Amino acid sequence: MRFSGGKSSGSDGSEEEVILVNLADCVAAWKNFCQHETDQRLDRGTGAAIRDGELICPKHGSMFDGCSGHCDNGKAAGSTLVEVEITVEDGDVYLTDAKCRFVREGGIDDGDDMPSSSSHLSF
């Protein structure tokens, strides 16, 4: 699931997307961009590719642990996704990050021109 997050403190006031990851071991929320290239979204509107609990960057194939956000391979190795604080109570997920506010479900611009994949991977 993607949702448009609010304005982060110190930002230029633009919206940022957040993705919610629901795995067997955790529920986590991350800003929807790869640490290697911040204009590269992990979820381009069809869902983020996840394999064995890791989010996969569709451009270069770097894999981020869905629970910790850490990447130990590819061009983003050594980086960690930007966390968005959430709380889970009785199966419901609440946005608790003071730097974000819920705007709406879905992407900022579902018809945008994101960079194409150079990895030639299909998921």
N, C-alpha and C. Protein backbone atom coordinates (compact mmCIF):
# COMPACT_ATOMS: atom_id res chain seq x y z
N MET A 1 0.85 -1.17 0.00
CA MET A 1 0.00 0.00 0.00
C MET A 1 0.89 1.23 0.00
N ARG A 2 0.54 2.20 -0.80
CA ARG A 2 1.23 3.48 -0.80
C ARG A 2 0.28 4.52 -0.27
N PHE A 3 0.83 5.50 0.41
CA PHE A 3 0.02 6.66 0.73
C PHE A 3 0.92 7.88 0.66
N SER A 4 0.30 8.98 0.38
CA SER A 4 1.06 10.22 0.28
C SER A 4 1.24 10.78 1.66
N GLY A 5 2.48 10.96 2.03
CA GLY A 5 2.80 11.51 3.34
C GLY A 5 2.75 13.01 3.30
N GLY A 6 2.78 13.57 4.44
CA GLY A 6 2.72 15.03 4.55
C GLY A 6 4.09 15.66 4.40
N LYS A 7 4.14 16.89 4.73
CA LYS A 7 5.37 17.65 4.59
C LYS A 7 6.29 17.34 5.76
N SER A 8 7.52 16.99 5.45
CA SER A 8 8.51 16.75 6.50
C SER A 8 9.07 18.08 6.96
N SER A 9 9.39 18.17 8.23
CA SER A 9 9.95 19.42 8.73
C SER A 9 11.28 19.68 8.04
N GLY A 10 11.49 20.92 7.61
CA GLY A 10 12.71 21.30 6.91
C GLY A 10 12.69 21.00 5.43
N SER A 11 11.60 20.40 4.92
CA SER A 11 11.54 20.09 3.50
C SER A 11 11.02 21.29 2.72
N ASP A 12 10.95 21.14 1.43
CA ASP A 12 10.48 22.22 0.57
C ASP A 12 8.95 22.29 0.51
N GLY A 13 8.28 21.45 1.29
CA GLY A 13 6.82 21.47 1.33
C GLY A 13 6.18 20.52 0.35
N SER A 14 6.97 19.79 -0.44
CA SER A 14 6.39 18.86 -1.40
C SER A 14 5.95 17.58 -0.71
N GLU A 15 5.01 16.88 -1.33
CA GLU A 15 4.55 15.61 -0.79
C GLU A 15 5.59 14.53 -1.02
N GLU A 16 5.60 13.56 -0.12
CA GLU A 16 6.45 12.39 -0.27
C GLU A 16 5.58 11.16 -0.10
N GLU A 17 5.86 10.12 -0.87
CA GLU A 17 5.12 8.88 -0.73
C GLU A 17 5.74 8.01 0.35
N VAL A 18 4.87 7.24 0.98
CA VAL A 18 5.29 6.28 1.99
C VAL A 18 4.72 4.93 1.60
N ILE A 19 5.50 3.88 1.78
CA ILE A 19 4.99 2.53 1.54
C ILE A 19 4.89 1.80 2.86
N LEU A 20 3.86 1.01 2.98
CA LEU A 20 3.62 0.22 4.17
C LEU A 20 3.95 -1.23 3.83
N VAL A 21 4.81 -1.85 4.63
CA VAL A 21 5.25 -3.22 4.39
C VAL A 21 4.69 -4.08 5.51
N ASN A 22 3.93 -5.11 5.15
CA ASN A 22 3.33 -6.01 6.12
C ASN A 22 3.92 -7.40 5.90
N LEU A 23 4.86 -7.76 6.74
CA LEU A 23 5.52 -9.06 6.64
C LEU A 23 5.16 -9.92 7.85
N ALA A 24 5.52 -11.18 7.82
CA ALA A 24 5.23 -12.08 8.94
C ALA A 24 5.90 -11.60 10.23
N ASP A 25 7.10 -11.01 10.11
CA ASP A 25 7.87 -10.59 11.28
C ASP A 25 7.63 -9.16 11.72
N CYS A 26 7.03 -8.33 10.88
CA CYS A 26 6.91 -6.91 11.22
C CYS A 26 5.91 -6.21 10.30
N VAL A 27 5.53 -5.03 10.72
CA VAL A 27 4.83 -4.06 9.88
C VAL A 27 5.69 -2.81 9.95
N ALA A 28 6.09 -2.29 8.81
CA ALA A 28 6.99 -1.13 8.78
C ALA A 28 6.54 -0.16 7.70
N ALA A 29 6.94 1.09 7.85
CA ALA A 29 6.64 2.11 6.84
C ALA A 29 7.94 2.81 6.47
N TRP A 30 8.12 3.02 5.18
CA TRP A 30 9.34 3.61 4.64
C TRP A 30 8.99 4.67 3.61
N LYS A 31 9.79 5.70 3.50
CA LYS A 31 9.62 6.65 2.41
C LYS A 31 9.91 5.91 1.12
N ASN A 32 9.13 6.19 0.11
CA ASN A 32 9.13 5.42 -1.13
C ASN A 32 10.21 5.87 -2.10
N PHE A 33 11.46 5.68 -1.71
CA PHE A 33 12.55 5.93 -2.65
C PHE A 33 13.77 5.11 -2.27
N CYS A 34 14.55 4.77 -3.27
CA CYS A 34 15.80 4.03 -3.07
C CYS A 34 16.85 4.98 -2.54
N GLN A 35 17.69 4.50 -1.66
CA GLN A 35 18.75 5.33 -1.10
C GLN A 35 19.85 5.63 -2.11
N HIS A 36 19.97 4.82 -3.14
CA HIS A 36 20.99 5.04 -4.16
C HIS A 36 20.60 6.18 -5.09
N GLU A 37 19.34 6.24 -5.47
CA GLU A 37 18.83 7.30 -6.35
C GLU A 37 17.48 7.73 -5.81
N THR A 38 17.42 8.91 -5.23
CA THR A 38 16.19 9.32 -4.54
C THR A 38 15.03 9.59 -5.48
N ASP A 39 15.26 9.69 -6.78
CA ASP A 39 14.13 9.86 -7.69
C ASP A 39 13.60 8.50 -8.16
N GLN A 40 14.17 7.42 -7.66
CA GLN A 40 13.73 6.07 -8.02
C GLN A 40 12.82 5.52 -6.94
N ARG A 41 11.55 5.35 -7.26
CA ARG A 41 10.59 4.81 -6.30
C ARG A 41 10.70 3.30 -6.22
N LEU A 42 10.51 2.78 -5.02
CA LEU A 42 10.47 1.33 -4.83
C LEU A 42 9.13 0.79 -5.30
N ASP A 43 8.06 1.53 -5.05
CA ASP A 43 6.73 1.20 -5.55
C ASP A 43 6.36 2.25 -6.58
N ARG A 44 6.29 1.84 -7.83
CA ARG A 44 5.97 2.76 -8.93
C ARG A 44 4.47 2.83 -9.21
N GLY A 45 3.69 2.19 -8.38
CA GLY A 45 2.25 2.23 -8.57
C GLY A 45 1.63 0.87 -8.74
N THR A 46 2.44 -0.16 -8.85
CA THR A 46 1.93 -1.52 -8.98
C THR A 46 2.30 -2.39 -7.79
N GLY A 47 2.82 -1.76 -6.75
CA GLY A 47 3.27 -2.48 -5.57
C GLY A 47 4.78 -2.64 -5.59
N ALA A 48 5.37 -2.59 -4.43
CA ALA A 48 6.81 -2.79 -4.33
C ALA A 48 7.12 -4.27 -4.46
N ALA A 49 8.16 -4.58 -5.22
CA ALA A 49 8.58 -5.98 -5.35
C ALA A 49 9.24 -6.40 -4.04
N ILE A 50 8.79 -7.53 -3.48
CA ILE A 50 9.34 -8.06 -2.25
C ILE A 50 9.66 -9.53 -2.46
N ARG A 51 10.89 -9.91 -2.10
CA ARG A 51 11.30 -11.31 -2.20
C ARG A 51 12.00 -11.68 -0.89
N ASP A 52 11.55 -12.75 -0.27
CA ASP A 52 12.15 -13.22 0.99
C ASP A 52 12.26 -12.10 2.02
N GLY A 53 11.23 -11.27 2.12
CA GLY A 53 11.19 -10.22 3.13
C GLY A 53 12.02 -8.98 2.79
N GLU A 54 12.51 -8.87 1.55
CA GLU A 54 13.32 -7.73 1.16
C GLU A 54 12.65 -6.96 0.02
N LEU A 55 12.64 -5.63 0.17
CA LEU A 55 12.14 -4.75 -0.89
C LEU A 55 13.21 -4.64 -1.95
N ILE A 56 12.82 -4.71 -3.21
CA ILE A 56 13.78 -4.70 -4.30
C ILE A 56 13.65 -3.41 -5.10
N CYS A 57 14.75 -2.69 -5.25
CA CYS A 57 14.75 -1.50 -6.10
C CYS A 57 14.60 -1.96 -7.55
N PRO A 58 13.58 -1.45 -8.26
CA PRO A 58 13.36 -1.91 -9.63
C PRO A 58 14.40 -1.41 -10.63
N LYS A 59 15.22 -0.45 -10.26
CA LYS A 59 16.19 0.07 -11.21
C LYS A 59 17.51 -0.70 -11.20
N HIS A 60 18.10 -0.90 -10.03
CA HIS A 60 19.40 -1.56 -9.96
C HIS A 60 19.39 -2.88 -9.19
N GLY A 61 18.27 -3.23 -8.57
CA GLY A 61 18.17 -4.52 -7.90
C GLY A 61 18.66 -4.55 -6.46
N SER A 62 19.05 -3.41 -5.88
CA SER A 62 19.43 -3.41 -4.47
C SER A 62 18.25 -3.91 -3.65
N MET A 63 18.55 -4.66 -2.58
CA MET A 63 17.50 -5.25 -1.76
C MET A 63 17.60 -4.72 -0.33
N PHE A 64 16.47 -4.23 0.18
CA PHE A 64 16.38 -3.63 1.51
C PHE A 64 15.56 -4.54 2.40
N ASP A 65 16.07 -4.86 3.59
CA ASP A 65 15.32 -5.66 4.54
C ASP A 65 14.01 -4.95 4.86
N GLY A 66 12.90 -5.65 4.70
CA GLY A 66 11.59 -5.03 4.90
C GLY A 66 11.32 -4.58 6.32
N CYS A 67 12.00 -5.19 7.32
CA CYS A 67 11.79 -4.83 8.72
C CYS A 67 12.77 -3.79 9.22
N SER A 68 14.04 -3.88 8.81
CA SER A 68 15.05 -2.93 9.30
C SER A 68 15.34 -1.81 8.30
N GLY A 69 15.02 -2.03 7.02
CA GLY A 69 15.30 -1.05 5.98
C GLY A 69 16.73 -1.07 5.49
N HIS A 70 17.57 -1.92 6.08
CA HIS A 70 19.00 -1.94 5.73
C HIS A 70 19.24 -2.69 4.42
N CYS A 71 20.21 -2.17 3.64
CA CYS A 71 20.62 -2.79 2.39
C CYS A 71 22.07 -3.24 2.52
N ASP A 72 22.35 -4.48 2.12
CA ASP A 72 23.73 -4.97 2.19
C ASP A 72 24.25 -5.45 0.83
N ASN A 73 23.61 -4.98 -0.27
CA ASN A 73 24.06 -5.39 -1.59
C ASN A 73 23.77 -4.33 -2.64
N GLY A 74 24.37 -4.46 -3.78
CA GLY A 74 24.11 -3.57 -4.91
C GLY A 74 24.60 -2.15 -4.68
N LYS A 75 24.11 -1.25 -5.49
CA LYS A 75 24.56 0.15 -5.45
C LYS A 75 24.16 0.88 -4.18
N ALA A 76 23.14 0.38 -3.47
CA ALA A 76 22.69 1.03 -2.23
C ALA A 76 23.27 0.36 -0.98
N ALA A 77 24.23 -0.55 -1.15
CA ALA A 77 24.81 -1.27 -0.01
C ALA A 77 25.30 -0.31 1.07
N GLY A 78 24.99 -0.65 2.32
CA GLY A 78 25.40 0.16 3.46
C GLY A 78 24.42 1.26 3.83
N SER A 79 23.36 1.40 3.06
CA SER A 79 22.37 2.45 3.36
C SER A 79 21.13 1.82 4.01
N THR A 80 20.28 2.67 4.54
CA THR A 80 19.04 2.25 5.17
C THR A 80 17.91 3.14 4.70
N LEU A 81 16.76 2.54 4.42
CA LEU A 81 15.59 3.32 4.01
C LEU A 81 15.20 4.31 5.10
N VAL A 82 14.52 5.37 4.70
CA VAL A 82 14.07 6.39 5.65
C VAL A 82 12.76 5.90 6.28
N GLU A 83 12.82 5.69 7.60
CA GLU A 83 11.68 5.15 8.33
C GLU A 83 10.62 6.22 8.58
N VAL A 84 9.37 5.78 8.55
CA VAL A 84 8.24 6.61 8.94
C VAL A 84 7.61 5.88 10.13
N GLU A 85 7.47 6.57 11.24
CA GLU A 85 6.98 5.93 12.47
C GLU A 85 5.50 5.60 12.37
N ILE A 86 5.21 4.36 12.74
CA ILE A 86 3.83 3.87 12.81
C ILE A 86 3.66 3.11 14.11
N THR A 87 2.40 2.89 14.48
CA THR A 87 2.06 2.06 15.63
C THR A 87 0.99 1.07 15.16
N VAL A 88 1.12 -0.16 15.60
CA VAL A 88 0.13 -1.18 15.27
C VAL A 88 -0.59 -1.57 16.56
N GLU A 89 -1.91 -1.42 16.57
CA GLU A 89 -2.74 -1.78 17.72
C GLU A 89 -3.93 -2.58 17.24
N ASP A 90 -4.07 -3.77 17.77
CA ASP A 90 -5.19 -4.66 17.43
C ASP A 90 -5.34 -4.83 15.91
N GLY A 91 -4.21 -4.92 15.21
CA GLY A 91 -4.23 -5.12 13.77
C GLY A 91 -4.42 -3.87 12.94
N ASP A 92 -4.64 -2.74 13.58
CA ASP A 92 -4.79 -1.47 12.86
C ASP A 92 -3.46 -0.72 12.87
N VAL A 93 -3.14 -0.07 11.77
CA VAL A 93 -1.88 0.66 11.65
C VAL A 93 -2.18 2.16 11.73
N TYR A 94 -1.43 2.84 12.60
CA TYR A 94 -1.60 4.27 12.79
C TYR A 94 -0.31 5.00 12.45
N LEU A 95 -0.42 6.08 11.72
CA LEU A 95 0.72 6.94 11.43
C LEU A 95 0.99 7.79 12.66
N THR A 96 2.18 7.61 13.26
CA THR A 96 2.52 8.34 14.48
C THR A 96 3.74 9.23 14.31
N ASP A 97 4.22 9.35 13.09
CA ASP A 97 5.41 10.17 12.81
C ASP A 97 5.02 11.64 12.81
N ALA A 98 5.63 12.40 13.72
CA ALA A 98 5.30 13.83 13.85
C ALA A 98 5.71 14.64 12.62
N LYS A 99 6.59 14.08 11.78
CA LYS A 99 7.05 14.80 10.59
C LYS A 99 6.17 14.55 9.38
N CYS A 100 5.18 13.69 9.53
CA CYS A 100 4.30 13.34 8.40
C CYS A 100 2.85 13.45 8.81
N ARG A 101 2.03 13.64 7.82
CA ARG A 101 0.59 13.58 8.04
C ARG A 101 -0.02 12.85 6.87
N PHE A 102 -1.05 12.09 7.12
CA PHE A 102 -1.74 11.33 6.08
C PHE A 102 -2.48 12.30 5.18
N VAL A 103 -2.27 12.16 3.87
CA VAL A 103 -2.97 13.00 2.91
C VAL A 103 -4.02 12.18 2.17
N ARG A 104 -3.60 11.02 1.63
CA ARG A 104 -4.53 10.15 0.90
C ARG A 104 -3.85 8.84 0.57
N GLU A 105 -4.63 7.82 0.26
CA GLU A 105 -4.06 6.57 -0.25
C GLU A 105 -3.68 6.78 -1.69
N GLY A 106 -2.74 6.00 -2.15
CA GLY A 106 -2.31 6.07 -3.54
C GLY A 106 -1.09 6.97 -3.69
N GLY A 107 -0.59 7.01 -4.89
CA GLY A 107 0.62 7.77 -5.16
C GLY A 107 0.40 9.25 -5.35
N ILE A 108 1.50 9.97 -5.35
CA ILE A 108 1.45 11.41 -5.57
C ILE A 108 0.96 11.69 -6.98
N ASP A 109 1.54 10.99 -7.93
CA ASP A 109 1.17 11.15 -9.34
C ASP A 109 1.27 9.79 -10.00
N ASP A 110 0.15 9.11 -10.08
CA ASP A 110 0.17 7.76 -10.64
C ASP A 110 0.49 7.73 -12.13
N GLY A 111 0.54 8.88 -12.79
CA GLY A 111 0.85 8.93 -14.21
C GLY A 111 2.19 9.57 -14.50
N ASP A 112 3.12 9.51 -13.55
CA ASP A 112 4.39 10.20 -13.74
C ASP A 112 5.35 9.41 -14.62
N ASP A 113 6.43 10.04 -15.01
CA ASP A 113 7.46 9.42 -15.84
C ASP A 113 8.66 9.09 -14.98
N MET A 114 8.62 7.97 -14.30
CA MET A 114 9.73 7.55 -13.47
C MET A 114 10.81 6.95 -14.36
N PRO A 115 12.06 6.98 -13.92
CA PRO A 115 13.14 6.39 -14.70
C PRO A 115 12.84 4.91 -14.96
N SER A 116 13.20 4.45 -16.13
CA SER A 116 12.96 3.05 -16.44
C SER A 116 14.03 2.19 -15.79
N SER A 117 13.72 0.92 -15.69
CA SER A 117 14.65 0.00 -15.05
C SER A 117 15.84 -0.27 -15.96
N SER A 118 17.02 -0.30 -15.34
CA SER A 118 18.21 -0.68 -16.09
C SER A 118 18.66 -2.07 -15.71
N SER A 119 17.92 -2.73 -14.81
CA SER A 119 18.33 -4.05 -14.34
C SER A 119 17.78 -5.17 -15.19
N HIS A 120 16.76 -4.88 -15.96
CA HIS A 120 16.11 -5.88 -16.80
C HIS A 120 15.59 -7.06 -16.00
N LEU A 121 15.20 -6.80 -14.76
CA LEU A 121 14.63 -7.82 -13.92
C LEU A 121 13.12 -7.77 -14.00
N SER A 122 12.48 -8.89 -13.97
CA SER A 122 11.02 -8.94 -13.94
C SER A 122 10.60 -9.62 -12.65
N PHE A 123 9.54 -9.12 -12.06
CA PHE A 123 9.04 -9.70 -10.82
C PHE A 123 7.57 -9.97 -10.96
